[in-house]
Amino acid sequence: MPQPLAQADPSAVFRLFDRTADTYDLLNDLLSLGLHRLWKRQAVALLQPRPGERIVDLCCGTADLALLLAERVRPHGRVIGVDGSAAALEQARQRAAEQPWLPLEFIHGDVLTLPLTPGAADGVMMAYGLRNLASAAAGLRLMRHLLKPHGRGVALDFNRPTHPLWA
């Protein structure tokens, strides 16, 4: 039987990502052999963002996905990236500044406690964030809460396998 994702301490998670923000993208490339880029592109394709849509990227980190999403919703759409790590968001803002035509904004704070507008998003994305939340179930409920009727959500994540064949 699969084990639930561990419950994370938000302040410890934010401190970890604040310490690693400068090298986070390089570490992802090294640890996944670059595959994380393919997985993120596939997640964006599953979400099917369209021009003019409003997309929320929860646990956006350094904005890998937010940048890809903004390319798809521009010129009249909007991507809102939310993350608890101030240092990761600083990296995200720097990356977004290199492409000022992209419709991006960033909000700092714990995604589970911020007063985000319910039912206002055409799409919600969360990549590698569920395992870092105080409650993965609350994260999934939040994704649903933010979506408009018929909105689309994609969560990209993985966990330590428990089946002996894969563990």
N, C-alpha and C. Protein backbone atom coordinates (compact mmCIF):
# COMPACT_ATOMS: atom_id res chain seq x y z
N MET A 1 0.85 -1.18 0.00
CA MET A 1 0.00 0.00 0.00
C MET A 1 0.89 1.24 0.00
N PRO A 2 0.66 2.21 -0.91
CA PRO A 2 1.48 3.41 -0.94
C PRO A 2 1.35 4.21 0.35
N GLN A 3 2.44 4.77 0.79
CA GLN A 3 2.45 5.60 1.98
C GLN A 3 2.13 7.04 1.57
N PRO A 4 1.42 7.78 2.43
CA PRO A 4 1.15 9.18 2.11
C PRO A 4 2.44 9.98 2.13
N LEU A 5 2.42 11.10 1.42
CA LEU A 5 3.56 11.99 1.44
C LEU A 5 3.77 12.47 2.87
N ALA A 6 5.03 12.63 3.25
CA ALA A 6 5.34 13.11 4.60
C ALA A 6 4.82 14.53 4.78
N GLN A 7 4.45 14.86 5.99
CA GLN A 7 4.00 16.21 6.30
C GLN A 7 5.24 17.05 6.58
N ALA A 8 5.38 18.15 5.87
CA ALA A 8 6.57 18.99 5.98
C ALA A 8 6.32 20.16 6.93
N ASP A 9 7.38 20.62 7.57
CA ASP A 9 7.34 21.82 8.40
C ASP A 9 7.60 23.01 7.47
N PRO A 10 6.60 23.87 7.26
CA PRO A 10 6.75 24.95 6.27
C PRO A 10 7.97 25.82 6.49
N SER A 11 8.24 26.22 7.73
CA SER A 11 9.39 27.12 7.95
C SER A 11 10.70 26.43 7.62
N ALA A 12 10.82 25.14 7.90
CA ALA A 12 12.04 24.40 7.55
C ALA A 12 12.18 24.28 6.04
N VAL A 13 11.07 24.06 5.35
CA VAL A 13 11.10 23.97 3.88
C VAL A 13 11.52 25.30 3.29
N PHE A 14 10.94 26.41 3.78
CA PHE A 14 11.29 27.73 3.24
C PHE A 14 12.77 28.02 3.47
N ARG A 15 13.29 27.68 4.65
CA ARG A 15 14.72 27.91 4.93
C ARG A 15 15.60 27.08 3.99
N LEU A 16 15.22 25.83 3.76
CA LEU A 16 15.98 24.98 2.85
C LEU A 16 16.06 25.60 1.46
N PHE A 17 14.92 26.03 0.93
CA PHE A 17 14.91 26.60 -0.42
C PHE A 17 15.54 27.99 -0.46
N ASP A 18 15.49 28.73 0.64
CA ASP A 18 16.22 30.00 0.69
C ASP A 18 17.72 29.76 0.59
N ARG A 19 18.20 28.70 1.25
CA ARG A 19 19.64 28.38 1.21
C ARG A 19 20.09 27.86 -0.15
N THR A 20 19.22 27.17 -0.87
CA THR A 20 19.64 26.51 -2.11
C THR A 20 19.16 27.22 -3.38
N ALA A 21 18.51 28.37 -3.24
CA ALA A 21 17.90 29.03 -4.41
C ALA A 21 18.91 29.33 -5.51
N ASP A 22 20.12 29.75 -5.14
CA ASP A 22 21.12 30.10 -6.15
C ASP A 22 21.57 28.91 -6.99
N THR A 23 21.51 27.71 -6.43
CA THR A 23 21.99 26.53 -7.15
C THR A 23 20.87 25.54 -7.47
N TYR A 24 19.63 25.91 -7.17
CA TYR A 24 18.50 24.99 -7.31
C TYR A 24 18.36 24.46 -8.73
N ASP A 25 18.41 25.33 -9.72
CA ASP A 25 18.22 24.89 -11.11
C ASP A 25 19.34 23.96 -11.56
N LEU A 26 20.57 24.28 -11.19
CA LEU A 26 21.71 23.41 -11.51
C LEU A 26 21.55 22.05 -10.83
N LEU A 27 21.16 22.06 -9.57
CA LEU A 27 20.96 20.79 -8.85
C LEU A 27 19.88 19.94 -9.52
N ASN A 28 18.79 20.57 -9.94
CA ASN A 28 17.74 19.82 -10.65
C ASN A 28 18.30 19.18 -11.91
N ASP A 29 19.09 19.93 -12.66
CA ASP A 29 19.69 19.39 -13.89
C ASP A 29 20.59 18.19 -13.57
N LEU A 30 21.43 18.34 -12.56
CA LEU A 30 22.37 17.27 -12.22
C LEU A 30 21.66 16.04 -11.66
N LEU A 31 20.75 16.25 -10.72
CA LEU A 31 20.11 15.12 -10.04
C LEU A 31 19.13 14.37 -10.93
N SER A 32 18.54 15.06 -11.90
CA SER A 32 17.58 14.38 -12.79
C SER A 32 18.18 14.10 -14.17
N LEU A 33 19.45 14.43 -14.34
CA LEU A 33 20.11 14.31 -15.64
C LEU A 33 19.35 15.11 -16.70
N GLY A 34 18.78 16.23 -16.27
CA GLY A 34 18.04 17.11 -17.17
C GLY A 34 16.62 16.68 -17.46
N LEU A 35 16.21 15.53 -16.96
CA LEU A 35 14.86 15.02 -17.25
C LEU A 35 13.75 15.90 -16.68
N HIS A 36 14.04 16.65 -15.62
CA HIS A 36 13.00 17.49 -15.03
C HIS A 36 12.45 18.48 -16.05
N ARG A 37 13.28 18.90 -16.98
CA ARG A 37 12.82 19.84 -18.02
C ARG A 37 11.78 19.18 -18.93
N LEU A 38 12.01 17.94 -19.30
CA LEU A 38 11.05 17.18 -20.10
C LEU A 38 9.75 16.99 -19.33
N TRP A 39 9.86 16.59 -18.07
CA TRP A 39 8.67 16.36 -17.25
C TRP A 39 7.85 17.64 -17.11
N LYS A 40 8.52 18.76 -16.94
CA LYS A 40 7.81 20.04 -16.81
C LYS A 40 7.11 20.42 -18.11
N ARG A 41 7.77 20.22 -19.23
CA ARG A 41 7.12 20.50 -20.52
C ARG A 41 5.90 19.60 -20.72
N GLN A 42 6.01 18.34 -20.30
CA GLN A 42 4.87 17.44 -20.40
C GLN A 42 3.72 17.88 -19.49
N ALA A 43 4.06 18.36 -18.30
CA ALA A 43 3.03 18.84 -17.38
C ALA A 43 2.31 20.05 -17.97
N VAL A 44 3.07 20.96 -18.58
CA VAL A 44 2.45 22.13 -19.23
C VAL A 44 1.54 21.67 -20.37
N ALA A 45 1.98 20.70 -21.15
CA ALA A 45 1.15 20.19 -22.25
C ALA A 45 -0.14 19.58 -21.71
N LEU A 46 -0.07 18.89 -20.57
CA LEU A 46 -1.28 18.32 -19.96
C LEU A 46 -2.25 19.40 -19.49
N LEU A 47 -1.71 20.49 -18.97
CA LEU A 47 -2.56 21.58 -18.48
C LEU A 47 -3.26 22.30 -19.64
N GLN A 48 -2.64 22.32 -20.79
CA GLN A 48 -3.21 22.96 -21.99
C GLN A 48 -3.54 24.43 -21.78
N PRO A 49 -2.57 25.24 -21.31
CA PRO A 49 -2.85 26.67 -21.15
C PRO A 49 -3.07 27.33 -22.50
N ARG A 50 -4.02 28.28 -22.52
CA ARG A 50 -4.36 28.95 -23.77
C ARG A 50 -4.22 30.47 -23.61
N PRO A 51 -4.01 31.17 -24.72
CA PRO A 51 -3.90 32.63 -24.65
C PRO A 51 -5.11 33.24 -23.92
N GLY A 52 -4.81 34.19 -23.05
CA GLY A 52 -5.86 34.88 -22.32
C GLY A 52 -6.24 34.26 -20.99
N GLU A 53 -5.71 33.09 -20.68
CA GLU A 53 -6.10 32.41 -19.44
C GLU A 53 -5.30 32.91 -18.24
N ARG A 54 -5.89 32.69 -17.07
CA ARG A 54 -5.25 33.00 -15.79
C ARG A 54 -4.82 31.66 -15.19
N ILE A 55 -3.51 31.54 -14.94
CA ILE A 55 -2.94 30.30 -14.42
C ILE A 55 -2.22 30.61 -13.11
N VAL A 56 -2.40 29.76 -12.11
CA VAL A 56 -1.69 29.90 -10.84
C VAL A 56 -0.68 28.76 -10.75
N ASP A 57 0.58 29.13 -10.49
CA ASP A 57 1.66 28.16 -10.32
C ASP A 57 2.03 28.13 -8.85
N LEU A 58 1.52 27.13 -8.13
CA LEU A 58 1.77 27.00 -6.70
C LEU A 58 3.14 26.38 -6.46
N CYS A 59 3.83 26.85 -5.44
CA CYS A 59 5.19 26.37 -5.15
C CYS A 59 6.07 26.56 -6.39
N CYS A 60 6.04 27.76 -6.94
CA CYS A 60 6.66 28.03 -8.25
C CYS A 60 8.18 28.04 -8.22
N GLY A 61 8.79 28.15 -7.06
CA GLY A 61 10.25 28.13 -7.00
C GLY A 61 10.88 29.22 -7.85
N THR A 62 11.83 28.83 -8.67
CA THR A 62 12.58 29.79 -9.50
C THR A 62 11.90 30.07 -10.83
N ALA A 63 10.69 29.62 -11.01
CA ALA A 63 9.80 29.98 -12.13
C ALA A 63 10.00 29.20 -13.41
N ASP A 64 10.61 28.02 -13.35
CA ASP A 64 10.72 27.21 -14.58
C ASP A 64 9.37 27.07 -15.27
N LEU A 65 8.38 26.61 -14.51
CA LEU A 65 7.06 26.39 -15.09
C LEU A 65 6.33 27.69 -15.37
N ALA A 66 6.45 28.66 -14.48
CA ALA A 66 5.76 29.93 -14.68
C ALA A 66 6.17 30.57 -16.01
N LEU A 67 7.44 30.48 -16.35
CA LEU A 67 7.92 31.04 -17.62
C LEU A 67 7.32 30.30 -18.81
N LEU A 68 7.30 28.97 -18.73
CA LEU A 68 6.70 28.18 -19.81
C LEU A 68 5.21 28.48 -19.95
N LEU A 69 4.53 28.59 -18.83
CA LEU A 69 3.09 28.87 -18.84
C LEU A 69 2.80 30.26 -19.40
N ALA A 70 3.61 31.24 -19.00
CA ALA A 70 3.39 32.62 -19.46
C ALA A 70 3.54 32.74 -20.97
N GLU A 71 4.44 31.95 -21.55
CA GLU A 71 4.57 31.95 -23.02
C GLU A 71 3.27 31.51 -23.68
N ARG A 72 2.56 30.60 -23.03
CA ARG A 72 1.33 30.04 -23.61
C ARG A 72 0.11 30.95 -23.42
N VAL A 73 0.06 31.74 -22.35
CA VAL A 73 -1.14 32.54 -22.08
C VAL A 73 -1.03 33.98 -22.59
N ARG A 74 0.14 34.38 -23.00
CA ARG A 74 0.30 35.77 -23.43
C ARG A 74 -0.42 36.01 -24.73
N PRO A 75 -0.77 37.21 -25.08
CA PRO A 75 -0.40 38.46 -24.41
C PRO A 75 -1.41 38.91 -23.36
N HIS A 76 -2.62 38.37 -23.35
CA HIS A 76 -3.66 38.91 -22.46
C HIS A 76 -3.94 38.04 -21.24
N GLY A 77 -3.24 36.93 -21.09
CA GLY A 77 -3.42 36.09 -19.92
C GLY A 77 -2.54 36.54 -18.78
N ARG A 78 -2.47 35.72 -17.75
CA ARG A 78 -1.66 36.06 -16.58
C ARG A 78 -1.24 34.78 -15.89
N VAL A 79 0.01 34.73 -15.43
CA VAL A 79 0.50 33.64 -14.60
C VAL A 79 0.90 34.23 -13.27
N ILE A 80 0.37 33.66 -12.20
CA ILE A 80 0.69 34.09 -10.85
C ILE A 80 1.47 32.96 -10.19
N GLY A 81 2.73 33.23 -9.87
CA GLY A 81 3.57 32.26 -9.18
C GLY A 81 3.55 32.54 -7.69
N VAL A 82 3.39 31.50 -6.90
CA VAL A 82 3.32 31.63 -5.44
C VAL A 82 4.36 30.71 -4.83
N ASP A 83 5.15 31.23 -3.88
CA ASP A 83 6.15 30.39 -3.22
C ASP A 83 6.48 30.97 -1.86
N GLY A 84 6.87 30.11 -0.94
CA GLY A 84 7.23 30.52 0.41
C GLY A 84 8.68 30.92 0.57
N SER A 85 9.51 30.65 -0.42
CA SER A 85 10.93 30.98 -0.34
C SER A 85 11.20 32.33 -0.99
N ALA A 86 11.59 33.31 -0.18
CA ALA A 86 11.89 34.64 -0.71
C ALA A 86 13.06 34.59 -1.69
N ALA A 87 14.06 33.77 -1.40
CA ALA A 87 15.23 33.68 -2.27
C ALA A 87 14.87 33.04 -3.61
N ALA A 88 14.03 32.01 -3.59
CA ALA A 88 13.60 31.39 -4.85
C ALA A 88 12.79 32.39 -5.67
N LEU A 89 11.93 33.16 -5.01
CA LEU A 89 11.15 34.16 -5.74
C LEU A 89 12.03 35.27 -6.30
N GLU A 90 13.11 35.61 -5.61
CA GLU A 90 14.04 36.59 -6.16
C GLU A 90 14.67 36.05 -7.45
N GLN A 91 15.04 34.78 -7.45
CA GLN A 91 15.55 34.15 -8.68
C GLN A 91 14.47 34.18 -9.76
N ALA A 92 13.23 33.90 -9.39
CA ALA A 92 12.12 33.90 -10.34
C ALA A 92 11.94 35.29 -10.95
N ARG A 93 11.98 36.31 -10.10
CA ARG A 93 11.80 37.68 -10.60
C ARG A 93 12.94 38.08 -11.54
N GLN A 94 14.16 37.68 -11.21
CA GLN A 94 15.29 37.98 -12.09
C GLN A 94 15.12 37.31 -13.44
N ARG A 95 14.70 36.06 -13.43
CA ARG A 95 14.48 35.34 -14.70
C ARG A 95 13.35 35.99 -15.49
N ALA A 96 12.29 36.38 -14.82
CA ALA A 96 11.16 37.02 -15.51
C ALA A 96 11.57 38.38 -16.08
N ALA A 97 12.45 39.09 -15.40
CA ALA A 97 12.90 40.41 -15.88
C ALA A 97 13.65 40.30 -17.21
N GLU A 98 14.22 39.14 -17.49
CA GLU A 98 14.91 38.93 -18.77
C GLU A 98 13.92 38.81 -19.93
N GLN A 99 12.64 38.59 -19.60
CA GLN A 99 11.58 38.47 -20.61
C GLN A 99 10.39 39.33 -20.16
N PRO A 100 10.57 40.66 -20.15
CA PRO A 100 9.56 41.54 -19.56
C PRO A 100 8.21 41.53 -20.27
N TRP A 101 8.14 40.97 -21.44
CA TRP A 101 6.87 40.89 -22.17
C TRP A 101 5.97 39.77 -21.64
N LEU A 102 6.52 38.90 -20.80
CA LEU A 102 5.71 37.80 -20.29
C LEU A 102 4.79 38.29 -19.17
N PRO A 103 3.54 37.84 -19.15
CA PRO A 103 2.56 38.28 -18.15
C PRO A 103 2.70 37.49 -16.85
N LEU A 104 3.64 37.92 -16.02
CA LEU A 104 3.96 37.19 -14.79
C LEU A 104 3.86 38.10 -13.57
N GLU A 105 3.40 37.52 -12.47
CA GLU A 105 3.53 38.19 -11.17
C GLU A 105 3.83 37.11 -10.14
N PHE A 106 4.45 37.53 -9.05
CA PHE A 106 4.85 36.58 -8.02
C PHE A 106 4.35 37.04 -6.66
N ILE A 107 3.92 36.07 -5.85
CA ILE A 107 3.43 36.33 -4.50
C ILE A 107 4.24 35.48 -3.54
N HIS A 108 4.74 36.12 -2.47
CA HIS A 108 5.52 35.41 -1.46
C HIS A 108 4.62 34.99 -0.30
N GLY A 109 4.69 33.71 0.06
CA GLY A 109 3.96 33.23 1.22
C GLY A 109 3.66 31.75 1.11
N ASP A 110 3.23 31.19 2.22
CA ASP A 110 2.84 29.78 2.29
C ASP A 110 1.56 29.59 1.48
N VAL A 111 1.60 28.76 0.46
CA VAL A 111 0.43 28.60 -0.42
C VAL A 111 -0.81 28.16 0.35
N LEU A 112 -0.62 27.44 1.45
CA LEU A 112 -1.78 26.94 2.19
C LEU A 112 -2.43 27.99 3.08
N THR A 113 -1.76 29.11 3.32
CA THR A 113 -2.32 30.11 4.22
C THR A 113 -2.58 31.46 3.56
N LEU A 114 -2.16 31.65 2.33
CA LEU A 114 -2.41 32.91 1.63
C LEU A 114 -3.88 33.02 1.24
N PRO A 115 -4.43 34.22 1.28
CA PRO A 115 -5.82 34.41 0.85
C PRO A 115 -5.92 34.54 -0.68
N LEU A 116 -5.79 33.42 -1.37
CA LEU A 116 -5.88 33.41 -2.83
C LEU A 116 -7.34 33.37 -3.25
N THR A 117 -7.66 34.02 -4.35
CA THR A 117 -9.05 34.14 -4.81
C THR A 117 -9.59 32.80 -5.29
N PRO A 118 -10.66 32.31 -4.66
CA PRO A 118 -11.23 31.02 -5.09
C PRO A 118 -11.95 31.15 -6.44
N GLY A 119 -11.90 30.09 -7.21
CA GLY A 119 -12.64 30.01 -8.45
C GLY A 119 -12.25 31.01 -9.52
N ALA A 120 -11.02 31.50 -9.49
CA ALA A 120 -10.60 32.55 -10.42
C ALA A 120 -9.59 32.08 -11.46
N ALA A 121 -9.11 30.85 -11.35
CA ALA A 121 -8.05 30.38 -12.24
C ALA A 121 -8.59 29.41 -13.28
N ASP A 122 -8.13 29.59 -14.51
CA ASP A 122 -8.44 28.63 -15.57
C ASP A 122 -7.60 27.37 -15.40
N GLY A 123 -6.42 27.53 -14.81
CA GLY A 123 -5.54 26.40 -14.59
C GLY A 123 -4.69 26.60 -13.35
N VAL A 124 -4.37 25.50 -12.69
CA VAL A 124 -3.48 25.52 -11.52
C VAL A 124 -2.44 24.44 -11.71
N MET A 125 -1.20 24.81 -11.48
CA MET A 125 -0.06 23.89 -11.63
C MET A 125 0.70 23.85 -10.30
N MET A 126 1.17 22.67 -9.96
CA MET A 126 2.10 22.54 -8.83
C MET A 126 3.10 21.45 -9.19
N ALA A 127 4.36 21.82 -9.26
CA ALA A 127 5.41 20.85 -9.58
C ALA A 127 6.34 20.69 -8.39
N TYR A 128 6.48 19.48 -7.94
CA TYR A 128 7.39 19.13 -6.84
C TYR A 128 7.09 19.93 -5.57
N GLY A 129 5.82 20.25 -5.37
CA GLY A 129 5.44 21.02 -4.21
C GLY A 129 4.66 20.24 -3.18
N LEU A 130 3.90 19.25 -3.60
CA LEU A 130 3.06 18.52 -2.65
C LEU A 130 3.86 17.96 -1.49
N ARG A 131 5.01 17.41 -1.78
CA ARG A 131 5.81 16.78 -0.72
C ARG A 131 6.39 17.79 0.25
N ASN A 132 6.38 19.07 -0.12
CA ASN A 132 6.94 20.11 0.73
C ASN A 132 5.89 20.91 1.49
N LEU A 133 4.64 20.52 1.38
CA LEU A 133 3.57 21.21 2.09
C LEU A 133 3.31 20.56 3.44
N ALA A 134 2.73 21.33 4.35
CA ALA A 134 2.36 20.77 5.65
C ALA A 134 1.33 19.66 5.47
N SER A 135 0.53 19.74 4.40
CA SER A 135 -0.47 18.72 4.10
C SER A 135 -0.64 18.61 2.58
N ALA A 136 -0.25 17.47 2.03
CA ALA A 136 -0.41 17.25 0.59
C ALA A 136 -1.90 17.27 0.22
N ALA A 137 -2.74 16.69 1.07
CA ALA A 137 -4.18 16.68 0.80
C ALA A 137 -4.72 18.11 0.75
N ALA A 138 -4.26 18.96 1.66
CA ALA A 138 -4.70 20.36 1.65
C ALA A 138 -4.22 21.06 0.38
N GLY A 139 -3.05 20.70 -0.11
CA GLY A 139 -2.54 21.26 -1.36
C GLY A 139 -3.42 20.90 -2.54
N LEU A 140 -3.86 19.65 -2.59
CA LEU A 140 -4.76 19.23 -3.67
C LEU A 140 -6.12 19.91 -3.56
N ARG A 141 -6.61 20.05 -2.33
CA ARG A 141 -7.89 20.76 -2.13
C ARG A 141 -7.77 22.22 -2.56
N LEU A 142 -6.63 22.84 -2.26
CA LEU A 142 -6.40 24.22 -2.65
C LEU A 142 -6.41 24.36 -4.17
N MET A 143 -5.76 23.43 -4.86
CA MET A 143 -5.76 23.48 -6.32
C MET A 143 -7.19 23.51 -6.84
N ARG A 144 -8.03 22.63 -6.33
CA ARG A 144 -9.43 22.56 -6.76
C ARG A 144 -10.18 23.84 -6.39
N HIS A 145 -9.90 24.36 -5.22
CA HIS A 145 -10.56 25.57 -4.71
C HIS A 145 -10.28 26.79 -5.61
N LEU A 146 -9.09 26.85 -6.17
CA LEU A 146 -8.70 28.00 -7.00
C LEU A 146 -9.27 27.96 -8.40
N LEU A 147 -9.68 26.77 -8.85
CA LEU A 147 -10.12 26.61 -10.24
C LEU A 147 -11.53 27.12 -10.48
N LYS A 148 -11.71 27.73 -11.67
CA LYS A 148 -13.04 28.04 -12.16
C LYS A 148 -13.75 26.72 -12.47
N PRO A 149 -15.07 26.74 -12.61
CA PRO A 149 -15.74 25.53 -13.11
C PRO A 149 -15.12 25.11 -14.44
N HIS A 150 -14.86 23.86 -14.60
CA HIS A 150 -14.23 23.29 -15.80
C HIS A 150 -12.76 23.70 -15.94
N GLY A 151 -12.17 24.24 -14.86
CA GLY A 151 -10.74 24.56 -14.89
C GLY A 151 -9.92 23.29 -14.88
N ARG A 152 -8.62 23.45 -15.12
CA ARG A 152 -7.72 22.30 -15.22
C ARG A 152 -6.58 22.43 -14.21
N GLY A 153 -6.23 21.32 -13.60
CA GLY A 153 -5.12 21.31 -12.65
C GLY A 153 -4.18 20.16 -12.94
N VAL A 154 -2.89 20.42 -12.74
CA VAL A 154 -1.87 19.38 -12.91
C VAL A 154 -0.91 19.48 -11.73
N ALA A 155 -0.66 18.35 -11.09
CA ALA A 155 0.36 18.25 -10.04
C ALA A 155 1.43 17.28 -10.52
N LEU A 156 2.65 17.76 -10.57
CA LEU A 156 3.80 16.94 -10.97
C LEU A 156 4.63 16.70 -9.73
N ASP A 157 4.79 15.45 -9.35
CA ASP A 157 5.56 15.14 -8.15
C ASP A 157 5.98 13.68 -8.18
N PHE A 158 6.81 13.31 -7.27
CA PHE A 158 7.16 11.91 -7.08
C PHE A 158 7.50 11.71 -5.62
N ASN A 159 7.59 10.46 -5.24
CA ASN A 159 7.84 10.11 -3.85
C ASN A 159 8.68 8.84 -3.83
N ARG A 160 9.24 8.53 -2.71
CA ARG A 160 10.01 7.30 -2.57
C ARG A 160 9.08 6.11 -2.75
N PRO A 161 9.39 5.22 -3.68
CA PRO A 161 8.52 4.05 -3.88
C PRO A 161 8.56 3.12 -2.67
N THR A 162 7.44 2.47 -2.43
CA THR A 162 7.38 1.53 -1.31
C THR A 162 7.33 0.08 -1.77
N HIS A 163 7.02 -0.13 -3.04
CA HIS A 163 6.98 -1.49 -3.56
C HIS A 163 8.41 -2.01 -3.65
N PRO A 164 8.67 -3.24 -3.17
CA PRO A 164 10.03 -3.78 -3.15
C PRO A 164 10.72 -3.79 -4.53
N LEU A 165 9.96 -3.93 -5.58
CA LEU A 165 10.55 -3.94 -6.91
C LEU A 165 11.20 -2.61 -7.26
N TRP A 166 10.64 -1.50 -6.76
CA TRP A 166 11.13 -0.16 -7.11
C TRP A 166 11.90 0.51 -5.98
N ALA A 167 11.74 0.04 -4.76
CA ALA A 167 12.35 0.72 -3.61
C ALA A 167 13.85 0.56 -3.57
